[in-house]
Structure formats: C-alpha cells, structure tokens
All heavy atoms as atom14 arrays in JSON, in Angstrom:
{
  "sequence": "VQLLIMYYIIFAASNNKLFVAILAFGLNSAAYVAEIFRSGIMSIDA",
  "atom14_mask": [
    [1, 1, 1, 1, 1, 1, 1, 0, 0, 0, 0, 0, 0, 0],
    [1, 1, 1, 1, 1, 1, 1, 1, 1, 0, 0, 0, 0, 0],
    [1, 1, 1, 1, 1, 1, 1, 1, 0, 0, 0, 0, 0, 0],
    [1, 1, 1, 1, 1, 1, 1, 1, 0, 0, 0, 0, 0, 0],
    [1, 1, 1, 1, 1, 1, 1, 1, 0, 0, 0, 0, 0, 0],
    [1, 1, 1, 1, 1, 1, 1, 1, 0, 0, 0, 0, 0, 0],
    [1, 1, 1, 1, 1, 1, 1, 1, 1, 1, 1, 1, 0, 0],
    [1, 1, 1, 1, 1, 1, 1, 1, 1, 1, 1, 1, 0, 0],
    [1, 1, 1, 1, 1, 1, 1, 1, 0, 0, 0, 0, 0, 0],
    [1, 1, 1, 1, 1, 1, 1, 1, 0, 0, 0, 0, 0, 0],
    [1, 1, 1, 1, 1, 1, 1, 1, 1, 1, 1, 0, 0, 0],
    [1, 1, 1, 1, 1, 0, 0, 0, 0, 0, 0, 0, 0, 0],
    [1, 1, 1, 1, 1, 0, 0, 0, 0, 0, 0, 0, 0, 0],
    [1, 1, 1, 1, 1, 1, 0, 0, 0, 0, 0, 0, 0, 0],
    [1, 1, 1, 1, 1, 1, 1, 1, 0, 0, 0, 0, 0, 0],
    [1, 1, 1, 1, 1, 1, 1, 1, 0, 0, 0, 0, 0, 0],
    [1, 1, 1, 1, 1, 1, 1, 1, 1, 0, 0, 0, 0, 0],
    [1, 1, 1, 1, 1, 1, 1, 1, 0, 0, 0, 0, 0, 0],
    [1, 1, 1, 1, 1, 1, 1, 1, 1, 1, 1, 0, 0, 0],
    [1, 1, 1, 1, 1, 1, 1, 0, 0, 0, 0, 0, 0, 0],
    [1, 1, 1, 1, 1, 0, 0, 0, 0, 0, 0, 0, 0, 0],
    [1, 1, 1, 1, 1, 1, 1, 1, 0, 0, 0, 0, 0, 0],
    [1, 1, 1, 1, 1, 1, 1, 1, 0, 0, 0, 0, 0, 0],
    [1, 1, 1, 1, 1, 0, 0, 0, 0, 0, 0, 0, 0, 0],
    [1, 1, 1, 1, 1, 1, 1, 1, 1, 1, 1, 0, 0, 0],
    [1, 1, 1, 1, 0, 0, 0, 0, 0, 0, 0, 0, 0, 0],
    [1, 1, 1, 1, 1, 1, 1, 1, 0, 0, 0, 0, 0, 0],
    [1, 1, 1, 1, 1, 1, 1, 1, 0, 0, 0, 0, 0, 0],
    [1, 1, 1, 1, 1, 1, 0, 0, 0, 0, 0, 0, 0, 0],
    [1, 1, 1, 1, 1, 0, 0, 0, 0, 0, 0, 0, 0, 0],
    [1, 1, 1, 1, 1, 0, 0, 0, 0, 0, 0, 0, 0, 0],
    [1, 1, 1, 1, 1, 1, 1, 1, 1, 1, 1, 1, 0, 0],
    [1, 1, 1, 1, 1, 1, 1, 0, 0, 0, 0, 0, 0, 0],
    [1, 1, 1, 1, 1, 0, 0, 0, 0, 0, 0, 0, 0, 0],
    [1, 1, 1, 1, 1, 1, 1, 1, 1, 0, 0, 0, 0, 0],
    [1, 1, 1, 1, 1, 1, 1, 1, 0, 0, 0, 0, 0, 0],
    [1, 1, 1, 1, 1, 1, 1, 1, 1, 1, 1, 0, 0, 0],
    [1, 1, 1, 1, 1, 1, 1, 1, 1, 1, 1, 0, 0, 0],
    [1, 1, 1, 1, 1, 1, 0, 0, 0, 0, 0, 0, 0, 0],
    [1, 1, 1, 1, 0, 0, 0, 0, 0, 0, 0, 0, 0, 0],
    [1, 1, 1, 1, 1, 1, 1, 1, 0, 0, 0, 0, 0, 0],
    [1, 1, 1, 1, 1, 1, 1, 1, 0, 0, 0, 0, 0, 0],
    [1, 1, 1, 1, 1, 1, 0, 0, 0, 0, 0, 0, 0, 0],
    [1, 1, 1, 1, 1, 1, 1, 1, 0, 0, 0, 0, 0, 0],
    [1, 1, 1, 1, 1, 1, 1, 1, 0, 0, 0, 0, 0, 0],
    [1, 1, 1, 1, 1, 0, 0, 0, 0, 0, 0, 0, 0, 0]
  ],
  "atom14_positions": [
    [[-46.08, -106.0, -166.59], [-46.56, -106.24, -165.22], [-48.04, -106.6, -165.24], [-48.49, -107.51, -164.52], [-46.3, -105.01, -164.33], [-46.89, -105.23, -162.94], [-44.81, -104.72, -164.22], [0.0, 0.0, 0.0], [0.0, 0.0, 0.0], [0.0, 0.0, 0.0], [0.0, 0.0, 0.0], [0.0, 0.0, 0.0], [0.0, 0.0, 0.0], [0.0, 0.0, 0.0]],
    [[-48.82, -105.91, -166.07], [-50.24, -106.22, -166.2], [-50.43, -107.64, -166.71], [-51.32, -108.37, -166.24], [-50.91, -105.22, -167.13], [-50.88, -103.78, -166.63], [-51.23, -102.78, -167.71], [-51.84, -103.13, -168.72], [-50.85, -101.52, -167.51], [0.0, 0.0, 0.0], [0.0, 0.0, 0.0], [0.0, 0.0, 0.0], [0.0, 0.0, 0.0], [0.0, 0.0, 0.0]],
    [[-49.61, -108.05, -167.67], [-49.68, -109.4, -168.22], [-49.38, -110.44, -167.14], [-50.08, -111.45, -167.02], [-48.7, -109.54, -169.39], [-48.59, -110.93, -170.03], [-49.91, -111.34, -170.67], [-47.47, -110.95, -171.07], [0.0, 0.0, 0.0], [0.0, 0.0, 0.0], [0.0, 0.0, 0.0], [0.0, 0.0, 0.0], [0.0, 0.0, 0.0], [0.0, 0.0, 0.0]],
    [[-48.36, -110.19, -166.35], [-47.98, -111.13, -165.3], [-49.06, -111.21, -164.22], [-49.35, -112.29, -163.69], [-46.65, -110.7, -164.68], [-45.43, -110.82, -165.6], [-44.19, -110.25, -164.93], [-45.18, -112.27, -166.01], [0.0, 0.0, 0.0], [0.0, 0.0, 0.0], [0.0, 0.0, 0.0], [0.0, 0.0, 0.0], [0.0, 0.0, 0.0], [0.0, 0.0, 0.0]],
    [[-49.66, -110.07, -163.86], [-50.75, -110.07, -162.88], [-51.93, -110.87, -163.4], [-52.54, -111.66, -162.67], [-51.17, -108.63, -162.54], [-50.06, -107.93, -161.73], [-52.48, -108.61, -161.76], [-50.31, -106.46, -161.49], [0.0, 0.0, 0.0], [0.0, 0.0, 0.0], [0.0, 0.0, 0.0], [0.0, 0.0, 0.0], [0.0, 0.0, 0.0], [0.0, 0.0, 0.0]],
    [[-52.27, -110.67, -164.67], [-53.37, -111.41, -165.29], [-53.11, -112.91, -165.24], [-54.0, -113.7, -164.89], [-53.56, -110.97, -166.75], [-54.29, -109.67, -166.92], [-56.06, -109.87, -166.66], [-56.61, -108.24, -167.14], [0.0, 0.0, 0.0], [0.0, 0.0, 0.0], [0.0, 0.0, 0.0], [0.0, 0.0, 0.0], [0.0, 0.0, 0.0], [0.0, 0.0, 0.0]],
    [[-51.89, -113.3, -165.58], [-51.58, -114.73, -165.73], [-51.36, -115.43, -164.4], [-51.87, -116.53, -164.17], [-50.34, -114.88, -166.62], [-50.01, -116.32, -166.94], [-50.79, -117.05, -167.83], [-48.93, -116.96, -166.33], [-50.49, -118.37, -168.13], [-48.62, -118.28, -166.62], [-49.41, -118.98, -167.52], [-49.12, -120.29, -167.8], [0.0, 0.0, 0.0], [0.0, 0.0, 0.0]],
    [[-50.61, -114.79, -163.5], [-50.21, -115.46, -162.26], [-51.13, -115.18, -161.07], [-51.05, -115.87, -160.06], [-48.78, -115.06, -161.89], [-47.75, -115.65, -162.81], [-47.05, -114.84, -163.7], [-47.48, -117.01, -162.82], [-46.1, -115.37, -164.56], [-46.53, -117.55, -163.68], [-45.84, -116.73, -164.54], [-44.9, -117.26, -165.4], [0.0, 0.0, 0.0], [0.0, 0.0, 0.0]],
    [[-52.0, -114.15, -161.17], [-52.87, -113.8, -160.05], [-54.34, -113.93, -160.42], [-55.06, -114.76, -159.86], [-52.56, -112.37, -159.54], [-51.09, -112.27, -159.08], [-53.51, -112.0, -158.4], [-50.69, -110.89, -158.63], [0.0, 0.0, 0.0], [0.0, 0.0, 0.0], [0.0, 0.0, 0.0], [0.0, 0.0, 0.0], [0.0, 0.0, 0.0], [0.0, 0.0, 0.0]],
    [[-54.79, -113.11, -161.35], [-56.23, -113.07, -161.66], [-56.7, -114.36, -162.31], [-57.75, -114.92, -161.94], [-56.55, -111.86, -162.57], [-56.18, -110.55, -161.85], [-58.03, -111.86, -162.95], [-56.39, -109.31, -162.67], [0.0, 0.0, 0.0], [0.0, 0.0, 0.0], [0.0, 0.0, 0.0], [0.0, 0.0, 0.0], [0.0, 0.0, 0.0], [0.0, 0.0, 0.0]],
    [[-55.94, -114.87, -163.29], [-56.32, -116.1, -163.98], [-55.31, -117.21, -163.7], [-54.95, -117.98, -164.59], [-56.42, -115.85, -165.49], [-57.55, -114.95, -165.89], [-57.32, -113.61, -166.17], [-58.85, -115.43, -165.97], [-58.36, -112.77, -166.54], [-59.89, -114.6, -166.34], [-59.65, -113.26, -166.62], [0.0, 0.0, 0.0], [0.0, 0.0, 0.0], [0.0, 0.0, 0.0]],
    [[-54.9, -117.3, -162.45], [-53.9, -118.31, -162.06], [-54.4, -119.74, -162.28], [-53.6, -120.65, -162.53], [-53.5, -118.12, -160.6], [0.0, 0.0, 0.0], [0.0, 0.0, 0.0], [0.0, 0.0, 0.0], [0.0, 0.0, 0.0], [0.0, 0.0, 0.0], [0.0, 0.0, 0.0], [0.0, 0.0, 0.0], [0.0, 0.0, 0.0], [0.0, 0.0, 0.0]],
    [[-55.71, -119.93, -162.19], [-56.28, -121.28, -162.35], [-56.51, -121.64, -163.81], [-56.89, -122.78, -164.12], [-57.59, -121.39, -161.58], [0.0, 0.0, 0.0], [0.0, 0.0, 0.0], [0.0, 0.0, 0.0], [0.0, 0.0, 0.0], [0.0, 0.0, 0.0], [0.0, 0.0, 0.0], [0.0, 0.0, 0.0], [0.0, 0.0, 0.0], [0.0, 0.0, 0.0]],
    [[-56.29, -120.7, -164.73], [-56.55, -120.95, -166.15], [-55.27, -121.36, -166.87], [-54.19, -120.86, -166.57], [-57.13, -119.69, -166.81], [-57.27, -119.87, -168.21], [0.0, 0.0, 0.0], [0.0, 0.0, 0.0], [0.0, 0.0, 0.0], [0.0, 0.0, 0.0], [0.0, 0.0, 0.0], [0.0, 0.0, 0.0], [0.0, 0.0, 0.0], [0.0, 0.0, 0.0]],
    [[-55.43, -122.28, -167.81], [-54.3, -122.7, -168.65], [-54.36, -122.09, -170.04], [-53.54, -122.42, -170.9], [-54.27, -124.23, -168.76], [-53.95, -124.9, -167.44], [-53.09, -124.41, -166.69], [-54.63, -126.0, -167.14], [0.0, 0.0, 0.0], [0.0, 0.0, 0.0], [0.0, 0.0, 0.0], [0.0, 0.0, 0.0], [0.0, 0.0, 0.0], [0.0, 0.0, 0.0]],
    [[-55.36, -121.22, -170.26], [-55.54, -120.61, -171.58], [-54.66, -119.36, -171.69], [-55.1, -118.25, -171.42], [-57.01, -120.27, -171.8], [-57.32, -119.96, -173.26], [-56.44, -119.55, -174.02], [-58.56, -120.16, -173.64], [0.0, 0.0, 0.0], [0.0, 0.0, 0.0], [0.0, 0.0, 0.0], [0.0, 0.0, 0.0], [0.0, 0.0, 0.0], [0.0, 0.0, 0.0]],
    [[-53.41, -119.56, -172.08], [-52.47, -118.45, -172.16], [-52.88, -117.44, -173.22], [-52.7, -116.23, -173.03], [-51.07, -118.98, -172.48], [-50.51, -119.93, -171.43], [-49.18, -120.5, -171.88], [-48.66, -121.52, -170.89], [-47.4, -122.14, -171.35], [0.0, 0.0, 0.0], [0.0, 0.0, 0.0], [0.0, 0.0, 0.0], [0.0, 0.0, 0.0], [0.0, 0.0, 0.0]],
    [[-53.44, -117.92, -174.34], [-53.84, -117.03, -175.42], [-54.93, -116.07, -174.96], [-54.86, -114.86, -175.22], [-54.32, -117.84, -176.62], [-54.75, -117.04, -177.85], [-53.57, -116.25, -178.41], [-55.33, -117.97, -178.92], [0.0, 0.0, 0.0], [0.0, 0.0, 0.0], [0.0, 0.0, 0.0], [0.0, 0.0, 0.0], [0.0, 0.0, 0.0], [0.0, 0.0, 0.0]],
    [[-55.93, -116.6, -174.24], [-57.01, -115.76, -173.74], [-56.48, -114.7, -172.78], [-56.86, -113.53, -172.85], [-58.06, -116.63, -173.04], [-59.07, -115.84, -172.26], [-60.11, -115.18, -172.9], [-58.98, -115.74, -170.87], [-61.05, -114.45, -172.18], [-59.91, -115.0, -170.14], [-60.94, -114.36, -170.81], [0.0, 0.0, 0.0], [0.0, 0.0, 0.0], [0.0, 0.0, 0.0]],
    [[-55.6, -115.11, -171.87], [-55.04, -114.19, -170.89], [-54.25, -113.09, -171.59], [-54.35, -111.91, -171.24], [-54.15, -114.93, -169.88], [-53.44, -113.95, -168.96], [-54.98, -115.91, -169.06], [0.0, 0.0, 0.0], [0.0, 0.0, 0.0], [0.0, 0.0, 0.0], [0.0, 0.0, 0.0], [0.0, 0.0, 0.0], [0.0, 0.0, 0.0], [0.0, 0.0, 0.0]],
    [[-53.46, -113.46, -172.6], [-52.65, -112.48, -173.32], [-53.53, -111.49, -174.08], [-53.29, -110.28, -174.04], [-51.7, -113.2, -174.29], [0.0, 0.0, 0.0], [0.0, 0.0, 0.0], [0.0, 0.0, 0.0], [0.0, 0.0, 0.0], [0.0, 0.0, 0.0], [0.0, 0.0, 0.0], [0.0, 0.0, 0.0], [0.0, 0.0, 0.0], [0.0, 0.0, 0.0]],
    [[-54.56, -112.0, -174.75], [-55.48, -111.13, -175.49], [-56.16, -110.15, -174.53], [-56.27, -108.95, -174.81], [-56.53, -111.96, -176.24], [-55.88, -112.71, -177.41], [-57.66, -111.07, -176.76], [-56.8, -113.71, -178.08], [0.0, 0.0, 0.0], [0.0, 0.0, 0.0], [0.0, 0.0, 0.0], [0.0, 0.0, 0.0], [0.0, 0.0, 0.0], [0.0, 0.0, 0.0]],
    [[-56.6, -110.66, -173.39], [-57.29, -109.81, -172.41], [-56.34, -108.75, -171.85], [-56.71, -107.57, -171.75], [-57.84, -110.68, -171.28], [-58.79, -110.0, -170.28], [-60.01, -109.45, -171.01], [-59.2, -110.97, -169.19], [0.0, 0.0, 0.0], [0.0, 0.0, 0.0], [0.0, 0.0, 0.0], [0.0, 0.0, 0.0], [0.0, 0.0, 0.0], [0.0, 0.0, 0.0]],
    [[-55.13, -109.15, -171.51], [-54.16, -108.21, -170.94], [-53.8, -107.11, -171.93], [-53.83, -105.92, -171.59], [-52.9, -108.96, -170.49], [0.0, 0.0, 0.0], [0.0, 0.0, 0.0], [0.0, 0.0, 0.0], [0.0, 0.0, 0.0], [0.0, 0.0, 0.0], [0.0, 0.0, 0.0], [0.0, 0.0, 0.0], [0.0, 0.0, 0.0], [0.0, 0.0, 0.0]],
    [[-53.47, -107.5, -173.15], [-53.08, -106.5, -174.15], [-54.29, -105.68, -174.61], [-54.16, -104.48, -174.91], [-52.42, -107.17, -175.36], [-51.06, -107.73, -175.06], [-50.83, -109.09, -175.09], [-50.01, -106.88, -174.73], [-49.57, -109.61, -174.81], [-48.74, -107.39, -174.45], [-48.53, -108.76, -174.48], [0.0, 0.0, 0.0], [0.0, 0.0, 0.0], [0.0, 0.0, 0.0]],
    [[-55.46, -106.3, -174.67], [-56.67, -105.56, -175.05], [-57.04, -104.51, -174.04], [-57.38, -103.37, -174.39], [0.0, 0.0, 0.0], [0.0, 0.0, 0.0], [0.0, 0.0, 0.0], [0.0, 0.0, 0.0], [0.0, 0.0, 0.0], [0.0, 0.0, 0.0], [0.0, 0.0, 0.0], [0.0, 0.0, 0.0], [0.0, 0.0, 0.0], [0.0, 0.0, 0.0]],
    [[-56.98, -104.87, -172.75], [-57.3, -103.91, -171.7], [-56.28, -102.78, -171.65], [-56.62, -101.63, -171.38], [-57.36, -104.62, -170.34], [-58.53, -105.59, -170.14], [-58.42, -106.31, -168.8], [-59.87, -104.86, -170.24], [0.0, 0.0, 0.0], [0.0, 0.0, 0.0], [0.0, 0.0, 0.0], [0.0, 0.0, 0.0], [0.0, 0.0, 0.0], [0.0, 0.0, 0.0]],
    [[-55.02, -103.12, -171.91], [-53.99, -102.08, -171.94], [-54.21, -101.12, -173.1], [-54.16, -99.9, -172.94], [-52.61, -102.74, -172.05], [-51.49, -101.72, -172.13], [-51.09, -101.31, -173.22], [-50.97, -101.31, -170.99], [0.0, 0.0, 0.0], [0.0, 0.0, 0.0], [0.0, 0.0, 0.0], [0.0, 0.0, 0.0], [0.0, 0.0, 0.0], [0.0, 0.0, 0.0]],
    [[-54.49, -101.68, -174.27], [-54.71, -100.84, -175.45], [-55.95, -99.97, -175.3], [-55.97, -98.83, -175.76], [-54.85, -101.73, -176.69], [-55.06, -100.95, -177.84], [0.0, 0.0, 0.0], [0.0, 0.0, 0.0], [0.0, 0.0, 0.0], [0.0, 0.0, 0.0], [0.0, 0.0, 0.0], [0.0, 0.0, 0.0], [0.0, 0.0, 0.0], [0.0, 0.0, 0.0]],
    [[-56.99, -100.5, -174.64], [-58.24, -99.75, -174.49], [-58.03, -98.43, -173.78], [-58.7, -97.43, -174.1], [-59.26, -100.59, -173.71], [0.0, 0.0, 0.0], [0.0, 0.0, 0.0], [0.0, 0.0, 0.0], [0.0, 0.0, 0.0], [0.0, 0.0, 0.0], [0.0, 0.0, 0.0], [0.0, 0.0, 0.0], [0.0, 0.0, 0.0], [0.0, 0.0, 0.0]],
    [[-57.1, -98.39, -172.83], [-56.84, -97.15, -172.09], [-56.32, -96.06, -173.01], [-56.7, -94.89, -172.9], [-55.84, -97.41, -170.96], [0.0, 0.0, 0.0], [0.0, 0.0, 0.0], [0.0, 0.0, 0.0], [0.0, 0.0, 0.0], [0.0, 0.0, 0.0], [0.0, 0.0, 0.0], [0.0, 0.0, 0.0], [0.0, 0.0, 0.0], [0.0, 0.0, 0.0]],
    [[-55.46, -96.43, -173.94], [-54.88, -95.45, -174.87], [-55.87, -95.11, -175.99], [-55.96, -93.95, -176.41], [-53.57, -95.99, -175.45], [-52.51, -96.18, -174.38], [-52.36, -97.4, -173.74], [-51.7, -95.12, -173.99], [-51.41, -97.57, -172.75], [-50.75, -95.28, -172.99], [-50.61, -96.5, -172.37], [-49.68, -96.67, -171.37], [0.0, 0.0, 0.0], [0.0, 0.0, 0.0]],
    [[-56.61, -96.13, -176.46], [-57.62, -95.88, -177.49], [-58.7, -94.95, -176.94], [-59.2, -94.08, -177.66], [-58.24, -97.21, -177.96], [-59.46, -96.96, -178.85], [-57.22, -98.04, -178.72], [0.0, 0.0, 0.0], [0.0, 0.0, 0.0], [0.0, 0.0, 0.0], [0.0, 0.0, 0.0], [0.0, 0.0, 0.0], [0.0, 0.0, 0.0], [0.0, 0.0, 0.0]],
    [[-59.06, -95.11, -175.66], [-60.09, -94.27, -175.05], [-59.7, -92.8, -175.09], [-60.52, -91.94, -175.44], [-60.33, -94.71, -173.6], [0.0, 0.0, 0.0], [0.0, 0.0, 0.0], [0.0, 0.0, 0.0], [0.0, 0.0, 0.0], [0.0, 0.0, 0.0], [0.0, 0.0, 0.0], [0.0, 0.0, 0.0], [0.0, 0.0, 0.0], [0.0, 0.0, 0.0]],
    [[-58.46, -92.51, -174.76], [-58.01, -91.12, -174.78], [-57.9, -90.58, -176.21], [-58.16, -89.4, -176.46], [-56.67, -90.99, -174.06], [-56.77, -91.15, -172.56], [-57.7, -90.12, -171.94], [-57.27, -88.97, -171.73], [-58.88, -90.46, -171.67], [0.0, 0.0, 0.0], [0.0, 0.0, 0.0], [0.0, 0.0, 0.0], [0.0, 0.0, 0.0], [0.0, 0.0, 0.0]],
    [[-57.54, -91.45, -177.14], [-57.47, -91.04, -178.55], [-58.86, -90.67, -179.05], [-59.07, -89.61, -179.66], [-56.86, -92.17, -179.41], [-55.38, -92.34, -179.09], [-57.05, -91.87, -180.9], [-54.75, -93.57, -179.74], [0.0, 0.0, 0.0], [0.0, 0.0, 0.0], [0.0, 0.0, 0.0], [0.0, 0.0, 0.0], [0.0, 0.0, 0.0], [0.0, 0.0, 0.0]],
    [[-59.84, -91.55, -178.79], [-61.21, -91.29, -179.23], [-61.82, -90.11, -178.49], [-62.57, -89.33, -179.06], [-62.08, -92.53, -179.04], [-62.13, -93.42, -180.25], [-61.55, -94.68, -180.22], [-62.75, -93.01, -181.41], [-61.6, -95.5, -181.33], [-62.8, -93.82, -182.53], [-62.21, -95.08, -182.49], [0.0, 0.0, 0.0], [0.0, 0.0, 0.0], [0.0, 0.0, 0.0]],
    [[-61.51, -89.99, -177.21], [-62.07, -88.87, -176.44], [-61.6, -87.53, -177.01], [-62.38, -86.59, -177.14], [-61.67, -88.97, -174.96], [-62.37, -87.94, -174.08], [-62.0, -88.14, -172.63], [-60.67, -87.61, -172.34], [-60.42, -86.35, -171.97], [-61.42, -85.49, -171.85], [-59.19, -85.97, -171.71], [0.0, 0.0, 0.0], [0.0, 0.0, 0.0], [0.0, 0.0, 0.0]],
    [[-60.32, -87.46, -177.36], [-59.81, -86.22, -177.95], [-60.49, -85.94, -179.29], [-60.76, -84.79, -179.63], [-58.29, -86.3, -178.13], [-57.94, -87.31, -179.07], [0.0, 0.0, 0.0], [0.0, 0.0, 0.0], [0.0, 0.0, 0.0], [0.0, 0.0, 0.0], [0.0, 0.0, 0.0], [0.0, 0.0, 0.0], [0.0, 0.0, 0.0], [0.0, 0.0, 0.0]],
    [[-60.76, -87.01, -180.04], [-61.45, -86.84, -181.32], [-62.87, -86.37, -181.14], [-63.35, -85.48, -181.87], [0.0, 0.0, 0.0], [0.0, 0.0, 0.0], [0.0, 0.0, 0.0], [0.0, 0.0, 0.0], [0.0, 0.0, 0.0], [0.0, 0.0, 0.0], [0.0, 0.0, 0.0], [0.0, 0.0, 0.0], [0.0, 0.0, 0.0], [0.0, 0.0, 0.0]],
    [[-63.58, -86.94, -180.16], [-64.96, -86.53, -179.9], [-65.03, -85.09, -179.4], [-65.87, -84.3, -179.83], [-65.61, -87.48, -178.88], [-65.78, -88.87, -179.49], [-66.97, -86.95, -178.42], [-66.25, -89.93, -178.5], [0.0, 0.0, 0.0], [0.0, 0.0, 0.0], [0.0, 0.0, 0.0], [0.0, 0.0, 0.0], [0.0, 0.0, 0.0], [0.0, 0.0, 0.0]],
    [[-64.1, -84.74, -178.5], [-64.1, -83.38, -177.95], [-63.74, -82.33, -179.01], [-64.05, -81.15, -178.84], [-63.12, -83.3, -176.78], [-63.49, -84.18, -175.59], [-65.08, -83.78, -174.84], [-64.68, -82.2, -174.05], [0.0, 0.0, 0.0], [0.0, 0.0, 0.0], [0.0, 0.0, 0.0], [0.0, 0.0, 0.0], [0.0, 0.0, 0.0], [0.0, 0.0, 0.0]],
    [[-63.06, -82.77, -180.07], [-62.67, -81.82, -181.13], [-63.81, -81.49, -182.08], [-63.73, -80.54, -182.85], [-61.5, -82.38, -181.94], [-61.9, -83.51, -182.72], [0.0, 0.0, 0.0], [0.0, 0.0, 0.0], [0.0, 0.0, 0.0], [0.0, 0.0, 0.0], [0.0, 0.0, 0.0], [0.0, 0.0, 0.0], [0.0, 0.0, 0.0], [0.0, 0.0, 0.0]],
    [[-64.89, -82.29, -182.03], [-66.04, -82.04, -182.9], [-66.82, -80.83, -182.39], [-67.1, -80.72, -181.2], [-66.97, -83.27, -182.97], [-66.19, -84.5, -183.44], [-68.15, -83.0, -183.88], [-65.59, -84.37, -184.81], [0.0, 0.0, 0.0], [0.0, 0.0, 0.0], [0.0, 0.0, 0.0], [0.0, 0.0, 0.0], [0.0, 0.0, 0.0], [0.0, 0.0, 0.0]],
    [[-67.16, -79.94, -183.3], [-67.87, -78.73, -182.92], [-69.21, -79.04, -182.25], [-69.91, -79.97, -182.66], [-68.11, -77.87, -184.16], [-68.67, -76.5, -183.82], [-67.88, -75.59, -183.5], [-69.91, -76.36, -183.85], [0.0, 0.0, 0.0], [0.0, 0.0, 0.0], [0.0, 0.0, 0.0], [0.0, 0.0, 0.0], [0.0, 0.0, 0.0], [0.0, 0.0, 0.0]],
    [[-69.54, -78.27, -181.23], [-70.8, -78.49, -180.5], [-72.01, -78.37, -181.4], [-73.07, -78.95, -181.13], [-70.9, -77.5, -179.35], [0.0, 0.0, 0.0], [0.0, 0.0, 0.0], [0.0, 0.0, 0.0], [0.0, 0.0, 0.0], [0.0, 0.0, 0.0], [0.0, 0.0, 0.0], [0.0, 0.0, 0.0], [0.0, 0.0, 0.0], [0.0, 0.0, 0.0]]
  ]
}
C-alpha cells in the first residue's frame, strides 16, 4: 500500500519507477531498523 501511494499519489508525476521503489522500501525498512537500533542502544549500560 505504501508503494502504491508513493507511485500513484505522492510521485504521480514521476516516471522514475526505480527511485519510487527504493524510496518506498527504504522508508518502510527504516521504521523497523529504527526499533532494532533503539533496542540495541537502550541495552547499553548507562
């Protein structure tokens, strides 16, 4: 759904499908990577 929103709504005027796909999947992955890294940082002793 995020990919379709990126392609058909946010970047509807763009023909660069590769850029849209990279951005959509990168932004999606960032949310999960953020929580992974946050748990790692919080696990480090004060």
